[in-house]
C-alpha atoms as a PDB file:
ATOM      1  CA  MET A   1      37.887  14.614  53.033  1.00  0.00           C
ATOM      2  CA  ASN A   2      35.307  11.860  53.147  1.00  0.00           C
ATOM      3  CA  VAL A   3      35.139  10.106  56.558  1.00  0.00           C
ATOM      4  CA  VAL A   4      33.664   6.624  57.033  1.00  0.00           C
ATOM      5  CA  VAL A   5      33.173   5.246  60.566  1.00  0.00           C
ATOM      6  CA  ARG A   6      32.520   1.595  61.313  1.00  0.00           C
ATOM      7  CA  GLY A   7      31.959  -0.203  64.612  1.00  0.00           C
ATOM      8  CA  ALA A   8      32.715   0.922  68.180  1.00  0.00           C
ATOM      9  CA  VAL A   9      34.496   4.192  67.387  1.00  0.00           C
ATOM     10  CA  ARG A  10      33.904   6.941  69.932  1.00  0.00           C
ATOM     11  CA  PRO A  11      32.748  10.311  68.511  1.00  0.00           C
ATOM     12  CA  LEU A  12      35.689  12.084  70.170  1.00  0.00           C
ATOM     13  CA  GLU A  13      38.124   9.659  68.528  1.00  0.00           C
ATOM     14  CA  ALA A  14      36.605  10.333  65.135  1.00  0.00           C
ATOM     15  CA  GLN A  15      36.822  14.084  65.734  1.00  0.00           C
ATOM     16  CA  ARG A  16      40.485  13.931  66.796  1.00  0.00           C
ATOM     17  CA  ALA A  17      41.376  11.728  63.841  1.00  0.00           C
ATOM     18  CA  GLU A  18      39.664  14.049  61.391  1.00  0.00           C
ATOM     19  CA  GLU A  19      41.452  17.064  62.875  1.00  0.00           C
ATOM     20  CA  ALA A  20      44.886  15.393  62.895  1.00  0.00           C
ATOM     21  CA  ILE A  21      44.657  13.949  59.390  1.00  0.00           C
ATOM     22  CA  GLY A  22      43.126  17.179  58.100  1.00  0.00           C
ATOM     23  CA  ALA A  23      46.060  19.140  59.533  1.00  0.00           C
ATOM     24  CA  VAL A  24      48.557  16.876  57.722  1.00  0.00           C
ATOM     25  CA  LEU A  25      46.693  17.239  54.443  1.00  0.00           C
ATOM     26  CA  ALA A  26      46.591  21.010  54.840  1.00  0.00           C
ATOM     27  CA  ARG A  27      50.306  21.204  55.667  1.00  0.00           C
ATOM     28  CA  ARG A  28      51.134  19.126  52.593  1.00  0.00           C
ATOM     29  CA  ASP A  29      48.635  21.099  50.509  1.00  0.00           C
ATOM     30  CA  HIS A  30      46.728  17.954  49.580  1.00  0.00           C
ATOM     31  CA  SER A  31      42.937  17.761  49.547  1.00  0.00           C
ATOM     32  CA  ASP A  32      41.826  15.766  46.494  1.00  0.00           C
ATOM     33  CA  SER A  33      40.300  12.280  46.528  1.00  0.00           C
ATOM     34  CA  VAL A  34      40.905  11.546  50.210  1.00  0.00           C
ATOM     35  CA  THR A  35      38.856   9.017  52.185  1.00  0.00           C
ATOM     36  CA  MET A  36      39.553   8.203  55.831  1.00  0.00           C
ATOM     37  CA  ARG A  37      38.099   5.016  57.312  1.00  0.00           C
ATOM     38  CA  LEU A  38      37.921   4.495  61.075  1.00  0.00           C
ATOM     39  CA  SER A  39      37.007   1.076  62.398  1.00  0.00           C
ATOM     40  CA  ARG A  40      36.914  -0.872  65.622  1.00  0.00           C
ATOM     41  CA  LEU A  41      34.993  -4.048  65.063  1.00  0.00           C
ATOM     42  CA  ARG A  42      34.144  -5.338  68.549  1.00  0.00           C
ATOM     43  CA  ASN A  43      34.360  -2.966  71.530  1.00  0.00           C
ATOM     44  CA  PRO A  44      36.191   0.161  72.724  1.00  0.00           C
ATOM     45  CA  LEU A  45      39.065  -1.959  74.107  1.00  0.00           C
ATOM     46  CA  GLU A  46      39.995  -3.228  70.636  1.00  0.00           C
ATOM     47  CA  PRO A  47      42.581  -1.292  68.561  1.00  0.00           C
ATOM     48  CA  LEU A  48      41.335   1.620  66.506  1.00  0.00           C
ATOM     49  CA  VAL A  49      42.243   1.110  62.838  1.00  0.00           C
ATOM     50  CA  ILE A  50      42.739   4.244  60.731  1.00  0.00           C
ATOM     51  CA  GLN A  51      43.081   3.940  56.964  1.00  0.00           C
ATOM     52  CA  VAL A  52      43.539   6.872  54.591  1.00  0.00           C
ATOM     53  CA  ASN A  53      43.158   6.346  50.843  1.00  0.00           C
ATOM     54  CA  PHE A  54      44.335   9.128  48.563  1.00  0.00           C
ATOM     55  CA  GLN A  55      45.814  10.003  45.183  1.00  0.00           C
ATOM     56  CA  LEU A  56      48.990  11.926  44.500  1.00  0.00           C
ATOM     57  CA  HIS A  57      50.182  12.774  40.977  1.00  0.00           C
ATOM     58  CA  GLU A  58      47.412  10.466  39.665  1.00  0.00           C
ATOM     59  CA  THR A  59      48.874   7.577  41.690  1.00  0.00           C
ATOM     60  CA  ARG A  60      46.650   5.699  44.106  1.00  0.00           C
ATOM     61  CA  ALA A  61      48.072   5.294  47.609  1.00  0.00           C
ATOM     62  CA  ARG A  62      47.066   4.208  51.088  1.00  0.00           C
ATOM     63  CA  MET A  63      48.159   4.560  54.723  1.00  0.00           C
ATOM     64  CA  GLN A  64      47.056   2.397  57.651  1.00  0.00           C
ATOM     65  CA  ALA A  65      47.813   2.537  61.364  1.00  0.00           C
ATOM     66  CA  ALA A  66      46.301   0.880  64.430  1.00  0.00           C
ATOM     67  CA  GLY A  67      46.502   1.042  68.204  1.00  0.00           C
ATOM     68  CA  PRO A  68      44.714   2.462  71.242  1.00  0.00           C
ATOM     69  CA  GLY A  69      42.689   5.506  70.206  1.00  0.00           C
ATOM     70  CA  PRO A  70      45.130   8.403  70.896  1.00  0.00           C
ATOM     71  CA  GLN A  71      48.168   6.369  69.771  1.00  0.00           C
ATOM     72  CA  ALA A  72      46.451   5.311  66.556  1.00  0.00           C
ATOM     73  CA  VAL A  73      45.690   8.937  65.689  1.00  0.00           C
ATOM     74  CA  THR A  74      49.270  10.040  66.375  1.00  0.00           C
ATOM     75  CA  ARG A  75      50.726   7.134  64.375  1.00  0.00           C
ATOM     76  CA  ALA A  76      48.371   7.693  61.465  1.00  0.00           C
ATOM     77  CA  ALA A  77      49.143  11.403  61.246  1.00  0.00           C
ATOM     78  CA  GLY A  78      52.896  10.771  61.363  1.00  0.00           C
ATOM     79  CA  ARG A  79      52.822   7.957  58.798  1.00  0.00           C
ATOM     80  CA  LEU A  80      50.653   9.941  56.413  1.00  0.00           C
ATOM     81  CA  ASP A  81      52.911  12.986  56.700  1.00  0.00           C
ATOM     82  CA  HIS A  82      56.010  10.905  55.914  1.00  0.00           C
ATOM     83  CA  GLN A  83      54.267   9.135  53.059  1.00  0.00           C
ATOM     84  CA  LEU A  84      53.040  12.346  51.413  1.00  0.00           C
ATOM     85  CA  TYR A  85      56.499  13.865  51.757  1.00  0.00           C
ATOM     86  CA  GLY A  86      58.229  10.814  50.300  1.00  0.00           C
ATOM     87  CA  MET A  87      55.854  10.479  47.375  1.00  0.00           C
ATOM     88  CA  GLY A  88      56.070  14.210  46.758  1.00  0.00           C
ATOM     89  CA  ILE A  89      59.844  14.166  46.286  1.00  0.00           C
ATOM     90  CA  GLY A  90      59.726  10.811  44.522  1.00  0.00           C
ATOM     91  CA  THR A  91      62.576   9.153  46.404  1.00  0.00           C
ATOM     92  CA  ARG A  92      61.326   7.667  49.649  1.00  0.00           C
ATOM     93  CA  VAL A  93      60.776   3.906  49.749  1.00  0.00           C
ATOM     94  CA  ARG A  94      60.868   2.067  53.082  1.00  0.00           C
ATOM     95  CA  TRP A  95      63.065  -1.022  52.897  1.00  0.00           C
ATOM     96  CA  TRP A  96      62.650  -1.840  56.571  1.00  0.00           C
ATOM     97  CA  PHE A  97      59.967  -2.709  59.107  1.00  0.00           C
ATOM     98  CA  GLU A  98      59.363   0.395  61.161  1.00  0.00           C
ATOM     99  CA  PRO A  99      59.671   0.189  64.976  1.00  0.00           C
ATOM    100  CA  GLY A 100      56.307   0.476  66.723  1.00  0.00           C
ATOM    101  CA  ARG A 101      54.335  -0.850  63.766  1.00  0.00           C
ATOM    102  CA  ARG A 102      51.881  -3.422  65.051  1.00  0.00           C
ATOM    103  CA  THR A 103      52.164  -6.922  63.619  1.00  0.00           C
ATOM    104  CA  LEU A 104      49.455  -9.564  63.773  1.00  0.00           C
ATOM    105  CA  ALA A 105      51.858 -12.382  64.553  1.00  0.00           C
ATOM    106  CA  HIS A 106      50.864 -14.733  67.359  1.00  0.00           C
ATOM    107  CA  PRO A 107      49.875 -18.391  67.712  1.00  0.00           C
ATOM    108  CA  SER A 108      46.108 -18.661  67.816  1.00  0.00           C
ATOM    109  CA  GLN A 109      43.178 -20.998  67.647  1.00  0.00           C
ATOM    110  CA  ARG A 110      42.080 -21.872  64.155  1.00  0.00           C
ATOM    111  CA  ALA A 111      40.647 -18.813  62.395  1.00  0.00           C
ATOM    112  CA  SER A 112      38.259 -18.664  59.463  1.00  0.00           C
ATOM    113  CA  ILE A 113      38.650 -17.169  56.005  1.00  0.00           C
ATOM    114  CA  VAL A 114      35.966 -14.480  56.001  1.00  0.00           C
ATOM    115  CA  ARG A 115      37.033 -12.630  52.856  1.00  0.00           C
ATOM    116  CA  ARG A 116      38.370 -13.795  49.503  1.00  0.00           C
ATOM    117  CA  LYS A 117      39.923 -11.362  47.043  1.00  0.00           C
ATOM    118  CA  HIS A 118      40.570 -12.236  43.393  1.00  0.00           C
ATOM    119  CA  TYR A 119      42.400  -9.835  41.091  1.00  0.00           C
ATOM    120  CA  ALA A 120      44.950  -9.779  38.304  1.00  0.00           C
ATOM    121  CA  TRP A 121      48.345  -9.583  39.953  1.00  0.00           C
ATOM    122  CA  PRO A 122      50.406  -6.842  38.257  1.00  0.00           C
ATOM    123  CA  GLU A 123      53.457  -7.762  36.199  1.00  0.00           C
ATOM    124  CA  LEU A 124      56.455  -6.021  37.800  1.00  0.00           C
ATOM    125  CA  ASP A 125      60.107  -6.491  38.554  1.00  0.00           C
ATOM    126  CA  PRO A 126      60.903  -7.030  42.260  1.00  0.00           C
ATOM    127  CA  HIS A 127      62.144  -3.480  42.826  1.00  0.00           C
ATOM    128  CA  ASN A 128      58.939  -1.907  41.511  1.00  0.00           C
ATOM    129  CA  ALA A 129      56.901  -4.408  43.516  1.00  0.00           C
ATOM    130  CA  VAL A 130      58.577  -3.029  46.652  1.00  0.00           C
ATOM    131  CA  VAL A 131      57.733   0.506  45.498  1.00  0.00           C
ATOM    132  CA  ALA A 132      54.076  -0.512  45.047  1.00  0.00           C
ATOM    133  CA  MET A 133      54.021  -2.228  48.461  1.00  0.00           C
ATOM    134  CA  ASP A 134      55.390   0.901  50.103  1.00  0.00           C
ATOM    135  CA  ARG A 135      52.957   3.196  48.291  1.00  0.00           C
ATOM    136  CA  MET A 136      50.003   1.128  49.517  1.00  0.00           C
ATOM    137  CA  ASP A 137      51.499   0.739  53.016  1.00  0.00           C
ATOM    138  CA  TYR A 138      51.286  -3.057  52.907  1.00  0.00           C
ATOM    139  CA  ASP A 139      53.496  -5.518  54.736  1.00  0.00           C
ATOM    140  CA  ALA A 140      53.314  -7.970  51.808  1.00  0.00           C
ATOM    141  CA  TYR A 141      52.565  -7.505  48.106  1.00  0.00           C
ATOM    142  CA  THR A 142      51.869 -10.162  45.462  1.00  0.00           C
ATOM    143  CA  PHE A 143      52.794  -9.795  41.796  1.00  0.00           C
ATOM    144  CA  LEU A 144      53.866 -11.601  38.629  1.00  0.00           C
ATOM    145  CA  ASP A 145      57.613 -11.410  38.117  1.00  0.00           C
ATOM    146  CA  ALA A 146      58.246  -9.603  34.826  1.00  0.00           C
ATOM    147  CA  HIS A 147      61.341 -11.709  34.132  1.00  0.00           C
ATOM    148  CA  SER A 148      60.135 -15.244  34.920  1.00  0.00           C
ATOM    149  CA  GLY A 149      56.329 -14.911  34.932  1.00  0.00           C
ATOM    150  CA  GLN A 150      56.195 -16.579  38.354  1.00  0.00           C
ATOM    151  CA  ASP A 151      53.754 -15.721  41.122  1.00  0.00           C
ATOM    152  CA  CYS A 152      55.815 -13.868  43.752  1.00  0.00           C
ATOM    153  CA  VAL A 153      55.545 -11.891  46.943  1.00  0.00           C
ATOM    154  CA  VAL A 154      57.722  -9.205  48.499  1.00  0.00           C
ATOM    155  CA  TYR A 155      57.311  -8.632  52.214  1.00  0.00           C
ATOM    156  CA  ARG A 156      58.799  -6.881  55.206  1.00  0.00           C
ATOM    157  CA  ALA A 157      60.866  -9.342  57.227  1.00  0.00           C
ATOM    158  CA  GLY A 158      61.833  -7.363  60.320  1.00  0.00           C
ATOM    159  CA  PRO A 159      65.574  -6.654  60.700  1.00  0.00           C
ATOM    160  CA  GLU A 160      66.250  -8.541  57.451  1.00  0.00           C
ATOM    161  CA  GLY A 161      64.499  -5.798  55.486  1.00  0.00           C
ATOM    162  CA  VAL A 162      62.431  -6.721  52.425  1.00  0.00           C
ATOM    163  CA  GLN A 163      62.477 -10.299  51.150  1.00  0.00           C
ATOM    164  CA  LEU A 164      61.255 -11.928  47.945  1.00  0.00           C
ATOM    165  CA  ALA A 165      59.648 -15.379  47.631  1.00  0.00           C
ATOM    166  CA  ARG A 166      58.835 -17.041  44.309  1.00  0.00           C
ATOM    167  CA  GLN A 167      56.810 -20.014  43.179  1.00  0.00           C
ATOM    168  CA  HIS A 168      60.006 -21.823  42.265  1.00  0.00           C
ATOM    169  CA  GLY A 169      63.660 -21.229  42.981  1.00  0.00           C
ATOM    170  CA  THR A 170      65.739 -19.106  45.337  1.00  0.00           C
ATOM    171  CA  TYR A 171      68.060 -17.548  42.749  1.00  0.00           C
ATOM    172  CA  PRO A 172      68.999 -13.833  43.065  1.00  0.00           C
ATOM    173  CA  CYS A 173      67.195 -11.031  41.267  1.00  0.00           C
ATOM    174  CA  PRO A 174      68.434 -10.577  37.655  1.00  0.00           C
ATOM    175  CA  ALA A 175      69.989  -7.187  38.433  1.00  0.00           C
ATOM    176  CA  PRO A 176      71.017  -7.254  42.111  1.00  0.00           C
ATOM    177  CA  SER A 177      71.709  -3.934  43.793  1.00  0.00           C
ATOM    178  CA  LEU A 178      71.817  -2.398  47.241  1.00  0.00           C
ATOM    179  CA  LEU A 179      68.073  -1.804  46.886  1.00  0.00           C
ATOM    180  CA  ALA A 180      67.106  -5.286  45.714  1.00  0.00           C
ATOM    181  CA  PRO A 181      65.091  -7.501  48.086  1.00  0.00           C
ATOM    182  CA  THR A 182      66.943 -10.430  49.573  1.00  0.00           C
ATOM    183  CA  ILE A 183      65.719 -13.898  48.666  1.00  0.00           C
ATOM    184  CA  ALA A 184      63.620 -15.729  51.252  1.00  0.00           C
ATOM    185  CA  PRO A 185      65.367 -18.893  52.457  1.00  0.00           C
ATOM    186  CA  GLY A 186      63.648 -22.188  51.765  1.00  0.00           C
ATOM    187  CA  LYS A 187      61.135 -23.303  49.169  1.00  0.00           C
ATOM    188  CA  THR A 188      57.642 -21.847  48.947  1.00  0.00           C
ATOM    189  CA  PRO A 189      55.333 -24.518  50.425  1.00  0.00           C
ATOM    190  CA  VAL A 190      52.721 -26.315  48.340  1.00  0.00           C
ATOM    191  CA  LEU A 191      49.554 -26.624  50.423  1.00  0.00           C
ATOM    192  CA  ASP A 192      45.822 -26.964  50.256  1.00  0.00           C
ATOM    193  CA  GLU A 193      43.718 -24.230  51.821  1.00  0.00           C
ATOM    194  CA  GLU A 194      42.940 -26.122  55.022  1.00  0.00           C
ATOM    195  CA  ARG A 195      46.581 -26.911  55.696  1.00  0.00           C
ATOM    196  CA  ALA A 196      47.584 -23.310  54.968  1.00  0.00           C
ATOM    197  CA  VAL A 197      45.136 -21.997  57.580  1.00  0.00           C
ATOM    198  CA  THR A 198      46.377 -24.523  60.139  1.00  0.00           C
ATOM    199  CA  LEU A 199      50.018 -23.655  59.477  1.00  0.00           C
ATOM    200  CA  LEU A 200      49.482 -19.899  59.770  1.00  0.00           C
ATOM    201  CA  CYS A 201      47.539 -20.196  63.037  1.00  0.00           C
ATOM    202  CA  GLU A 202      49.770 -22.790  64.712  1.00  0.00           C
ATOM    203  CA  GLN A 203      53.009 -21.016  63.842  1.00  0.00           C
ATOM    204  CA  GLY A 204      51.687 -17.540  64.675  1.00  0.00           C
ATOM    205  CA  LEU A 205      52.446 -16.080  61.259  1.00  0.00           C
ATOM    206  CA  PRO A 206      51.071 -12.671  60.223  1.00  0.00           C
ATOM    207  CA  PHE A 207      50.694 -13.975  56.647  1.00  0.00           C
ATOM    208  CA  LEU A 208      51.595 -16.984  54.540  1.00  0.00           C
ATOM    209  CA  PHE A 209      52.542 -17.116  50.867  1.00  0.00           C
ATOM    210  CA  TYR A 210      52.057 -20.580  49.429  1.00  0.00           C
ATOM    211  CA  ILE A 211      51.331 -22.473  46.226  1.00  0.00           C
ATOM    212  CA  ASP A 212      47.855 -23.950  46.077  1.00  0.00           C
ATOM    213  CA  SER A 213      48.058 -27.674  45.378  1.00  0.00           C
ATOM    214  CA  ALA A 214      44.898 -27.582  43.238  1.00  0.00           C
ATOM    215  CA  ASP A 215      45.940 -25.099  40.528  1.00  0.00           C
ATOM    216  CA  GLU A 216      49.645 -24.520  41.336  1.00  0.00           C
ATOM    217  CA  ARG A 217      49.137 -20.751  41.625  1.00  0.00           C
ATOM    218  CA  GLY A 218      50.288 -18.469  44.411  1.00  0.00           C
ATOM    219  CA  ARG A 219      48.100 -17.482  47.342  1.00  0.00           C
ATOM    220  CA  LEU A 220      48.543 -14.939  50.127  1.00  0.00           C
ATOM    221  CA  LEU A 221      46.720 -15.772  53.355  1.00  0.00           C
ATOM    222  CA  TYR A 222      46.838 -13.049  56.002  1.00  0.00           C
ATOM    223  CA  ARG A 223      45.393 -12.065  59.364  1.00  0.00           C
ATOM    224  CA  ARG A 224      42.850  -9.328  59.879  1.00  0.00           C
ATOM    225  CA  TYR A 225      42.396  -7.006  62.849  1.00  0.00           C
ATOM    226  CA  ASP A 226      39.165  -8.855  63.717  1.00  0.00           C
ATOM    227  CA  HIS A 227      41.284 -12.013  64.248  1.00  0.00           C
ATOM    228  CA  GLU A 228      39.954 -13.742  61.132  1.00  0.00           C
ATOM    229  CA  LEU A 229      41.664 -14.272  57.759  1.00  0.00           C
ATOM    230  CA  THR A 230      41.642 -12.979  54.178  1.00  0.00           C
ATOM    231  CA  LEU A 231      42.794 -15.054  51.192  1.00  0.00           C
ATOM    232  CA  LEU A 232      44.231 -13.262  48.166  1.00  0.00           C
ATOM    233  CA  SER A 233      44.255 -15.176  44.849  1.00  0.00           C
ATOM    234  CA  PRO A 234      45.221 -14.294  41.262  1.00  0.00           C
ATOM    235  CA  THR A 235      42.510 -14.335  38.632  1.00  0.00           C
ATOM    236  CA  PRO A 236      42.701 -17.420  36.380  1.00  0.00           C
ATOM    237  CA  ASP A 237      43.339 -15.394  33.216  1.00  0.00           C
ATOM    238  CA  THR A 238      46.715 -14.086  34.391  1.00  0.00           C
ATOM    239  CA  HIS A 239      49.623 -15.773  32.650  1.00  0.00           C
ATOM    240  CA  ARG A 240      51.654 -18.567  34.153  1.00  0.00           C
ATOM    241  CA  SER A 241      55.332 -19.091  34.838  1.00  0.00           C
ATOM    242  CA  ARG A 242      57.631 -19.167  31.793  1.00  0.00           C
ATOM    243  CA  HIS A 243      60.349 -21.089  33.664  1.00  0.00           C
END
């Protein structure tokens, strides 16, 4: 296992994390292509963030947990163990927001966008988008809807489970089932970047999916553990909505 440490991480914390994560990997008989990143960006009073990137059956996956040092290690080990087990049997997908999982939702002063990510959003149906979100341990996941071609997001919405928001329309998924995401109420807002940042900070949102008023494409703006923001955008060459 490759271990990368960044910021104010105590040596004992790094040692305990390596031992705990190593024990999970050994119990699940998994040792290939594993990188663990430990970070605490400001001081020892900030949460310790533990991220484990790995591959299973040639599928890329990720786990992330945060909290005070000992709690972060315990949470990370437990989440990784559950994730490896679920991916191993090929049936486990979390359709709920797990109790104890830290959310970055709070009203705040205006934050800055310190990172911009551009990539080709994958073309998926909503169910498989939820599977991909779960595999990467995200709280929100952007994609191109395979049926309509629209920019979309699936996200964990607390007790409501997983919800789906589209560029346009609030109609149900083409093949509704007990494991289909519910449709987010209300229209996806059309905003410029400055207004999107203001809205997220003033309303205390952990993330905001919106349509950029300049190019009419989806954007995902979300909070970081260092209290700043990241903006996720689709690359221009991805196809547009067919409806």
